PDB file of N, CA and C in Angstrom:
ATOM      1  N   UNK A   1      44.728 -97.313  34.249  1.00  0.00           N
ATOM      2  CA  UNK A   1      44.321 -95.964  33.930  1.00  0.00           C
ATOM      3  C   UNK A   1      42.874 -95.767  34.376  1.00  0.00           C
ATOM      4  N   UNK A   2      42.606 -94.679  35.097  1.00  0.00           N
ATOM      5  CA  UNK A   2      41.247 -94.464  35.585  1.00  0.00           C
ATOM      6  C   UNK A   2      40.255 -94.241  34.456  1.00  0.00           C
ATOM      7  N   UNK A   3      39.029 -94.687  34.683  1.00  0.00           N
ATOM      8  CA  UNK A   3      37.970 -94.468  33.703  1.00  0.00           C
ATOM      9  C   UNK A   3      37.327 -93.113  33.959  1.00  0.00           C
ATOM     10  N   UNK A   4      36.694 -92.568  32.923  1.00  0.00           N
ATOM     11  CA  UNK A   4      35.996 -91.300  33.070  1.00  0.00           C
ATOM     12  C   UNK A   4      36.892 -90.120  32.754  1.00  0.00           C
ATOM     13  N   UNK A   5      36.278 -88.966  32.732  1.00  0.00           N
ATOM     14  CA  UNK A   5      37.014 -87.740  32.411  1.00  0.00           C
ATOM     15  C   UNK A   5      37.910 -87.325  33.578  1.00  0.00           C
ATOM     16  N   UNK A   6      39.095 -86.861  33.219  1.00  0.00           N
ATOM     17  CA  UNK A   6      40.067 -86.495  34.249  1.00  0.00           C
ATOM     18  C   UNK A   6      39.604 -85.318  35.096  1.00  0.00           C
ATOM     19  N   UNK A   7      38.718 -84.462  34.576  1.00  0.00           N
ATOM     20  CA  UNK A   7      38.286 -83.315  35.379  1.00  0.00           C
ATOM     21  C   UNK A   7      37.496 -83.739  36.614  1.00  0.00           C
ATOM     22  N   UNK A   8      37.048 -84.994  36.632  1.00  0.00           N
ATOM     23  CA  UNK A   8      36.310 -85.502  37.783  1.00  0.00           C
ATOM     24  C   UNK A   8      37.196 -86.327  38.726  1.00  0.00           C
ATOM     25  N   UNK A   9      38.481 -86.380  38.437  1.00  0.00           N
ATOM     26  CA  UNK A   9      39.396 -87.177  39.255  1.00  0.00           C
ATOM     27  C   UNK A   9      39.815 -86.412  40.508  1.00  0.00           C
ATOM     28  N   UNK A  10      40.362 -87.139  41.471  1.00  0.00           N
ATOM     29  CA  UNK A  10      40.883 -86.527  42.695  1.00  0.00           C
ATOM     30  C   UNK A  10      42.109 -85.662  42.400  1.00  0.00           C
ATOM     31  N   UNK A  11      42.828 -86.011  41.350  1.00  0.00           N
ATOM     32  CA  UNK A  11      44.062 -85.299  41.007  1.00  0.00           C
ATOM     33  C   UNK A  11      43.811 -83.947  40.349  1.00  0.00           C
ATOM     34  N   UNK A  12      42.678 -83.813  39.670  1.00  0.00           N
ATOM     35  CA  UNK A  12      42.463 -82.627  38.836  1.00  0.00           C
ATOM     36  C   UNK A  12      42.474 -81.306  39.614  1.00  0.00           C
ATOM     37  N   UNK A  13      41.860 -81.218  40.790  1.00  0.00           N
ATOM     38  CA  UNK A  13      41.936 -79.945  41.521  1.00  0.00           C
ATOM     39  C   UNK A  13      43.370 -79.522  41.848  1.00  0.00           C
ATOM     40  N   UNK A  14      44.247 -80.487  42.034  1.00  0.00           N
ATOM     41  CA  UNK A  14      45.649 -80.172  42.311  1.00  0.00           C
ATOM     42  C   UNK A  14      46.297 -79.576  41.070  1.00  0.00           C
ATOM     43  N   UNK A  15      46.011 -80.153  39.911  1.00  0.00           N
ATOM     44  CA  UNK A  15      46.536 -79.629  38.650  1.00  0.00           C
ATOM     45  C   UNK A  15      46.036 -78.210  38.409  1.00  0.00           C
ATOM     46  N   UNK A  16      44.758 -77.985  38.614  1.00  0.00           N
ATOM     47  CA  UNK A  16      44.158 -76.668  38.385  1.00  0.00           C
ATOM     48  C   UNK A  16      44.748 -75.628  39.340  1.00  0.00           C
ATOM     49  N   UNK A  17      44.918 -76.001  40.598  1.00  0.00           N
ATOM     50  CA  UNK A  17      45.511 -75.079  41.563  1.00  0.00           C
ATOM     51  C   UNK A  17      46.932 -74.698  41.151  1.00  0.00           C
ATOM     52  N   UNK A  18      47.679 -75.665  40.659  1.00  0.00           N
ATOM     53  CA  UNK A  18      49.042 -75.389  40.213  1.00  0.00           C
ATOM     54  C   UNK A  18      49.042 -74.481  38.987  1.00  0.00           C
ATOM     55  N   UNK A  19      48.103 -74.678  38.074  1.00  0.00           N
ATOM     56  CA  UNK A  19      47.993 -73.783  36.913  1.00  0.00           C
ATOM     57  C   UNK A  19      47.787 -72.337  37.366  1.00  0.00           C
ATOM     58  N   UNK A  20      46.876 -72.145  38.318  1.00  0.00           N
ATOM     59  CA  UNK A  20      46.627 -70.792  38.829  1.00  0.00           C
ATOM     60  C   UNK A  20      47.871 -70.223  39.500  1.00  0.00           C
ATOM     61  N   UNK A  21      48.572 -71.061  40.260  1.00  0.00           N
ATOM     62  CA  UNK A  21      49.788 -70.600  40.924  1.00  0.00           C
ATOM     63  C   UNK A  21      50.851 -70.163  39.924  1.00  0.00           C
ATOM     64  N   UNK A  22      50.991 -70.919  38.853  1.00  0.00           N
ATOM     65  CA  UNK A  22      51.964 -70.570  37.816  1.00  0.00           C
ATOM     66  C   UNK A  22      51.616 -69.203  37.229  1.00  0.00           C
ATOM     67  N   UNK A  23      50.326 -68.982  36.955  1.00  0.00           N
ATOM     68  CA  UNK A  23      49.900 -67.683  36.416  1.00  0.00           C
ATOM     69  C   UNK A  23      50.138 -66.575  37.434  1.00  0.00           C
ATOM     70  N   UNK A  24      49.758 -66.826  38.682  1.00  0.00           N
ATOM     71  CA  UNK A  24      49.960 -65.818  39.723  1.00  0.00           C
ATOM     72  C   UNK A  24      51.440 -65.489  39.920  1.00  0.00           C
ATOM     73  N   UNK A  25      52.286 -66.513  39.908  1.00  0.00           N
ATOM     74  CA  UNK A  25      53.727 -66.299  40.070  1.00  0.00           C
ATOM     75  C   UNK A  25      54.290 -65.437  38.938  1.00  0.00           C
ATOM     76  N   UNK A  26      53.710 -65.600  37.745  1.00  0.00           N
ATOM     77  CA  UNK A  26      54.130 -64.795  36.598  1.00  0.00           C
ATOM     78  C   UNK A  26      53.531 -63.393  36.641  1.00  0.00           C
ATOM     79  N   UNK A  27      52.701 -63.144  37.647  1.00  0.00           N
ATOM     80  CA  UNK A  27      52.028 -61.858  37.823  1.00  0.00           C
ATOM     81  C   UNK A  27      51.218 -61.464  36.586  1.00  0.00           C
ATOM     82  N   UNK A  28      50.499 -62.455  36.057  1.00  0.00           N
ATOM     83  CA  UNK A  28      49.645 -62.233  34.899  1.00  0.00           C
ATOM     84  C   UNK A  28      48.185 -62.391  35.292  1.00  0.00           C
ATOM     85  N   UNK A  29      47.346 -61.560  34.711  1.00  0.00           N
ATOM     86  CA  UNK A  29      45.910 -61.718  34.899  1.00  0.00           C
ATOM     87  C   UNK A  29      45.405 -62.776  33.933  1.00  0.00           C
ATOM     88  N   UNK A  30      44.189 -63.228  34.156  1.00  0.00           N
ATOM     89  CA  UNK A  30      43.584 -64.160  33.210  1.00  0.00           C
ATOM     90  C   UNK A  30      43.521 -63.527  31.820  1.00  0.00           C
ATOM     91  N   UNK A  31      43.206 -62.258  31.762  1.00  0.00           N
ATOM     92  CA  UNK A  31      43.107 -61.565  30.475  1.00  0.00           C
ATOM     93  C   UNK A  31      44.456 -61.540  29.757  1.00  0.00           C
ATOM     94  N   UNK A  32      45.529 -61.303  30.505  1.00  0.00           N
ATOM     95  CA  UNK A  32      46.861 -61.279  29.899  1.00  0.00           C
ATOM     96  C   UNK A  32      47.252 -62.651  29.366  1.00  0.00           C
ATOM     97  N   UNK A  33      46.968 -63.697  30.127  1.00  0.00           N
ATOM     98  CA  UNK A  33      47.251 -65.054  29.649  1.00  0.00           C
ATOM     99  C   UNK A  33      46.448 -65.323  28.390  1.00  0.00           C
ATOM    100  N   UNK A  34      45.186 -64.948  28.411  1.00  0.00           N
ATOM    101  CA  UNK A  34      44.320 -65.164  27.252  1.00  0.00           C
ATOM    102  C   UNK A  34      44.865 -64.473  26.015  1.00  0.00           C
ATOM    103  N   UNK A  35      45.223 -63.212  26.148  1.00  0.00           N
ATOM    104  CA  UNK A  35      45.741 -62.458  24.994  1.00  0.00           C
ATOM    105  C   UNK A  35      47.023 -63.073  24.451  1.00  0.00           C
ATOM    106  N   UNK A  36      47.931 -63.441  25.345  1.00  0.00           N
ATOM    107  CA  UNK A  36      49.216 -64.004  24.921  1.00  0.00           C
ATOM    108  C   UNK A  36      49.083 -65.417  24.350  1.00  0.00           C
ATOM    109  N   UNK A  37      48.099 -66.164  24.841  1.00  0.00           N
ATOM    110  CA  UNK A  37      47.910 -67.542  24.376  1.00  0.00           C
ATOM    111  C   UNK A  37      46.925 -67.639  23.209  1.00  0.00           C
ATOM    112  N   UNK A  38      46.280 -66.527  22.872  1.00  0.00           N
ATOM    113  CA  UNK A  38      45.352 -66.532  21.752  1.00  0.00           C
ATOM    114  C   UNK A  38      44.024 -67.204  22.053  1.00  0.00           C
ATOM    115  N   UNK A  39      43.588 -67.090  23.309  1.00  0.00           N
ATOM    116  CA  UNK A  39      42.292 -67.639  23.716  1.00  0.00           C
ATOM    117  C   UNK A  39      41.518 -66.524  24.417  1.00  0.00           C
ATOM    118  N   UNK A  40      40.305 -66.807  24.812  1.00  0.00           N
ATOM    119  CA  UNK A  40      39.496 -65.796  25.494  1.00  0.00           C
ATOM    120  C   UNK A  40      39.708 -65.864  27.007  1.00  0.00           C
ATOM    121  N   UNK A  41      39.420 -64.747  27.676  1.00  0.00           N
ATOM    122  CA  UNK A  41      39.505 -64.730  29.137  1.00  0.00           C
ATOM    123  C   UNK A  41      38.503 -65.701  29.762  1.00  0.00           C
ATOM    124  N   UNK A  42      37.256 -65.800  29.232  1.00  0.00           N
ATOM    125  CA  UNK A  42      36.339 -66.795  29.804  1.00  0.00           C
ATOM    126  C   UNK A  42      36.878 -68.232  29.682  1.00  0.00           C
ATOM    127  N   UNK A  43      37.636 -68.508  28.625  1.00  0.00           N
ATOM    128  CA  UNK A  43      38.247 -69.824  28.466  1.00  0.00           C
ATOM    129  C   UNK A  43      39.265 -70.060  29.583  1.00  0.00           C
ATOM    130  N   UNK A  44      40.122 -69.078  29.820  1.00  0.00           N
ATOM    131  CA  UNK A  44      41.118 -69.193  30.891  1.00  0.00           C
ATOM    132  C   UNK A  44      40.417 -69.403  32.230  1.00  0.00           C
ATOM    133  N   UNK A  45      39.366 -68.642  32.473  1.00  0.00           N
ATOM    134  CA  UNK A  45      38.611 -68.786  33.709  1.00  0.00           C
ATOM    135  C   UNK A  45      38.022 -70.187  33.841  1.00  0.00           C
ATOM    136  N   UNK A  46      37.446 -70.704  32.771  1.00  0.00           N
ATOM    137  CA  UNK A  46      36.847 -72.042  32.808  1.00  0.00           C
ATOM    138  C   UNK A  46      37.895 -73.111  33.085  1.00  0.00           C
ATOM    139  N   UNK A  47      39.080 -72.960  32.515  1.00  0.00           N
ATOM    140  CA  UNK A  47      40.165 -73.914  32.781  1.00  0.00           C
ATOM    141  C   UNK A  47      40.553 -73.844  34.256  1.00  0.00           C
ATOM    142  N   UNK A  48      40.708 -72.631  34.771  1.00  0.00           N
ATOM    143  CA  UNK A  48      41.128 -72.468  36.161  1.00  0.00           C
ATOM    144  C   UNK A  48      40.053 -72.887  37.164  1.00  0.00           C
ATOM    145  N   UNK A  49      38.817 -72.941  36.738  1.00  0.00           N
ATOM    146  CA  UNK A  49      37.746 -73.419  37.614  1.00  0.00           C
ATOM    147  C   UNK A  49      37.549 -74.926  37.475  1.00  0.00           C
ATOM    148  N   UNK A  50      38.320 -75.550  36.596  1.00  0.00           N
ATOM    149  CA  UNK A  50      38.236 -76.991  36.421  1.00  0.00           C
ATOM    150  C   UNK A  50      37.100 -77.443  35.534  1.00  0.00           C
ATOM    151  N   UNK A  51      36.531 -76.540  34.758  1.00  0.00           N
ATOM    152  CA  UNK A  51      35.409 -76.881  33.886  1.00  0.00           C
ATOM    153  C   UNK A  51      35.856 -77.379  32.519  1.00  0.00           C
ATOM    154  N   UNK A  52      37.018 -76.940  32.095  1.00  0.00           N
ATOM    155  CA  UNK A  52      37.594 -77.366  30.815  1.00  0.00           C
ATOM    156  C   UNK A  52      38.995 -77.895  31.077  1.00  0.00           C
ATOM    157  N   UNK A  53      39.412 -78.819  30.269  1.00  0.00           N
ATOM    158  CA  UNK A  53      40.771 -79.334  30.431  1.00  0.00           C
ATOM    159  C   UNK A  53      41.610 -78.963  29.218  1.00  0.00           C
ATOM    160  N   UNK A  54      42.893 -78.932  29.444  1.00  0.00           N
ATOM    161  CA  UNK A  54      43.855 -78.604  28.402  1.00  0.00           C
ATOM    162  C   UNK A  54      44.490 -79.874  27.876  1.00  0.00           C
ATOM    163  N   UNK A  55      44.722 -79.933  26.557  1.00  0.00           N
ATOM    164  CA  UNK A  55      45.537 -81.034  26.061  1.00  0.00           C
ATOM    165  C   UNK A  55      47.002 -80.645  26.282  1.00  0.00           C
ATOM    166  N   UNK A  56      47.899 -81.518  25.992  1.00  0.00           N
ATOM    167  CA  UNK A  56      49.317 -81.288  26.305  1.00  0.00           C
ATOM    168  C   UNK A  56      49.874 -80.057  25.607  1.00  0.00           C
ATOM    169  N   UNK A  57      49.516 -79.851  24.357  1.00  0.00           N
ATOM    170  CA  UNK A  57      50.039 -78.688  23.635  1.00  0.00           C
ATOM    171  C   UNK A  57      49.429 -77.388  24.143  1.00  0.00           C
ATOM    172  N   UNK A  58      48.179 -77.416  24.539  1.00  0.00           N
ATOM    173  CA  UNK A  58      47.562 -76.233  25.136  1.00  0.00           C
ATOM    174  C   UNK A  58      48.216 -75.920  26.483  1.00  0.00           C
ATOM    175  N   UNK A  59      48.480 -76.957  27.262  1.00  0.00           N
ATOM    176  CA  UNK A  59      49.169 -76.776  28.537  1.00  0.00           C
ATOM    177  C   UNK A  59      50.548 -76.180  28.306  1.00  0.00           C
ATOM    178  N   UNK A  60      51.253 -76.684  27.321  1.00  0.00           N
ATOM    179  CA  UNK A  60      52.587 -76.161  27.006  1.00  0.00           C
ATOM    180  C   UNK A  60      52.528 -74.679  26.667  1.00  0.00           C
ATOM    181  N   UNK A  61      51.561 -74.286  25.839  1.00  0.00           N
ATOM    182  CA  UNK A  61      51.411 -72.876  25.456  1.00  0.00           C
ATOM    183  C   UNK A  61      51.099 -72.018  26.682  1.00  0.00           C
ATOM    184  N   UNK A  62      50.214 -72.496  27.533  1.00  0.00           N
ATOM    185  CA  UNK A  62      49.845 -71.776  28.759  1.00  0.00           C
ATOM    186  C   UNK A  62      51.085 -71.550  29.624  1.00  0.00           C
ATOM    187  N   UNK A  63      51.842 -72.621  29.829  1.00  0.00           N
ATOM    188  CA  UNK A  63      53.029 -72.535  30.666  1.00  0.00           C
ATOM    189  C   UNK A  63      54.080 -71.608  30.067  1.00  0.00           C
ATOM    190  N   UNK A  64      54.251 -71.671  28.770  1.00  0.00           N
ATOM    191  CA  UNK A  64      55.229 -70.818  28.095  1.00  0.00           C
ATOM    192  C   UNK A  64      54.890 -69.345  28.289  1.00  0.00           C
ATOM    193  N   UNK A  65      53.612 -69.011  28.145  1.00  0.00           N
ATOM    194  CA  UNK A  65      53.138 -67.643  28.366  1.00  0.00           C
ATOM    195  C   UNK A  65      53.479 -67.184  29.781  1.00  0.00           C
ATOM    196  N   UNK A  66      53.433 -68.114  30.716  1.00  0.00           N
ATOM    197  CA  UNK A  66      53.688 -67.805  32.123  1.00  0.00           C
ATOM    198  C   UNK A  66      55.155 -67.962  32.518  1.00  0.00           C
ATOM    199  N   UNK A  67      56.020 -68.216  31.541  1.00  0.00           N
ATOM    200  CA  UNK A  67      57.445 -68.326  31.820  1.00  0.00           C
ATOM    201  C   UNK A  67      57.850 -69.648  32.435  1.00  0.00           C
ATOM    202  N   UNK A  68      57.059 -70.677  32.209  1.00  0.00           N
ATOM    203  CA  UNK A  68      57.377 -72.000  32.744  1.00  0.00           C
ATOM    204  C   UNK A  68      57.433 -72.997  31.593  1.00  0.00           C
ATOM    205  N   UNK A  69      57.496 -74.279  31.935  1.00  0.00           N
ATOM    206  CA  UNK A  69      57.532 -75.313  30.894  1.00  0.00           C
ATOM    207  C   UNK A  69      56.975 -76.618  31.441  1.00  0.00           C
ATOM    208  N   UNK A  70      56.777 -77.565  30.566  1.00  0.00           N
ATOM    209  CA  UNK A  70      56.192 -78.843  30.950  1.00  0.00           C
ATOM    210  C   UNK A  70      57.035 -79.593  31.984  1.00  0.00           C
ATOM    211  N   UNK A  71      58.347 -79.521  31.855  1.00  0.00           N
ATOM    212  CA  UNK A  71      59.223 -80.219  32.790  1.00  0.00           C
ATOM    213  C   UNK A  71      59.055 -79.722  34.216  1.00  0.00           C
ATOM    214  N   UNK A  72      59.150 -78.409  34.401  1.00  0.00           N
ATOM    215  CA  UNK A  72      58.995 -77.827  35.741  1.00  0.00           C
ATOM    216  C   UNK A  72      57.605 -78.116  36.296  1.00  0.00           C
ATOM    217  N   UNK A  73      56.607 -77.917  35.451  1.00  0.00           N
ATOM    218  CA  UNK A  73      55.229 -78.126  35.884  1.00  0.00           C
ATOM    219  C   UNK A  73      55.003 -79.582  36.273  1.00  0.00           C
ATOM    220  N   UNK A  74      55.486 -80.485  35.445  1.00  0.00           N
ATOM    221  CA  UNK A  74      55.301 -81.906  35.709  1.00  0.00           C
ATOM    222  C   UNK A  74      55.955 -82.358  37.000  1.00  0.00           C
ATOM    223  N   UNK A  75      57.167 -81.868  37.252  1.00  0.00           N
ATOM    224  CA  UNK A  75      57.855 -82.231  38.490  1.00  0.00           C
ATOM    225  C   UNK A  75      57.088 -81.737  39.716  1.00  0.00           C
ATOM    226  N   UNK A  76      56.619 -80.503  39.644  1.00  0.00           N
ATOM    227  CA  UNK A  76      55.875 -79.951  40.781  1.00  0.00           C
ATOM    228  C   UNK A  76      54.533 -80.657  40.950  1.00  0.00           C
ATOM    229  N   UNK A  77      53.878 -80.977  39.853  1.00  0.00           N
ATOM    230  CA  UNK A  77      52.604 -81.692  39.933  1.00  0.00           C
ATOM    231  C   UNK A  77      52.804 -83.071  40.556  1.00  0.00           C
ATOM    232  N   UNK A  78      53.823 -83.790  40.130  1.00  0.00           N
ATOM    233  CA  UNK A  78      54.107 -85.116  40.695  1.00  0.00           C
ATOM    234  C   UNK A  78      54.375 -85.024  42.189  1.00  0.00           C
ATOM    235  N   UNK A  79      55.144 -84.008  42.594  1.00  0.00           N
ATOM    236  CA  UNK A  79      55.450 -83.819  44.010  1.00  0.00           C
ATOM    237  C   UNK A  79      54.164 -83.612  44.806  1.00  0.00           C
ATOM    238  N   UNK A  80      53.287 -82.759  44.319  1.00  0.00           N
ATOM    239  CA  UNK A  80      52.041 -82.474  45.032  1.00  0.00           C
ATOM    240  C   UNK A  80      51.093 -83.671  45.048  1.00  0.00           C
ATOM    241  N   UNK A  81      51.056 -84.395  43.961  1.00  0.00           N
ATOM    242  CA  UNK A  81      50.194 -85.584  43.932  1.00  0.00           C
ATOM    243  C   UNK A  81      50.682 -86.639  44.921  1.00  0.00           C
ATOM    244  N   UNK A  82      52.004 -86.816  44.976  1.00  0.00           N
ATOM    245  CA  UNK A  82      52.574 -87.779  45.926  1.00  0.00           C
ATOM    246  C   UNK A  82      52.311 -87.340  47.365  1.00  0.00           C
ATOM    247  N   UNK A  83      52.451 -86.033  47.628  1.00  0.00           N
ATOM    248  CA  UNK A  83      52.188 -85.507  48.968  1.00  0.00           C
ATOM    249  C   UNK A  83      50.732 -85.733  49.376  1.00  0.00           C
ATOM    250  N   UNK A  84      49.841 -85.705  48.376  1.00  0.00           N
ATOM    251  CA  UNK A  84      48.411 -85.911  48.638  1.00  0.00           C
ATOM    252  C   UNK A  84      48.061 -87.405  48.682  1.00  0.00           C
ATOM    253  N   UNK A  85      49.047 -88.263  48.456  1.00  0.00           N
ATOM    254  CA  UNK A  85      48.814 -89.697  48.474  1.00  0.00           C
ATOM    255  C   UNK A  85      48.095 -90.206  47.245  1.00  0.00           C
ATOM    256  N   UNK A  86      48.252 -89.502  46.152  1.00  0.00           N
ATOM    257  CA  UNK A  86      47.573 -89.888  44.907  1.00  0.00           C
ATOM    258  C   UNK A  86      48.555 -90.426  43.874  1.00  0.00           C
TER     259      UNK A  86
END
């Protein structure tokens, strides 16, 4: 397991990009995700910029708001990480 915070890992930008794609595919603004997830828009922005990380339950809530789930997200993330050689 790598040492240090995951936001500084090579994998993290791929995760963040996928989070944004999931939101965009759901045709939701950051503000809409924030309202539905019970967080602030600046929080959503910070997550999407890679400044804050989500724990598993926060990720689940985010995905649910966007009409997705951990299974779909995880499969796509694994595919992209493998494609990137990570």
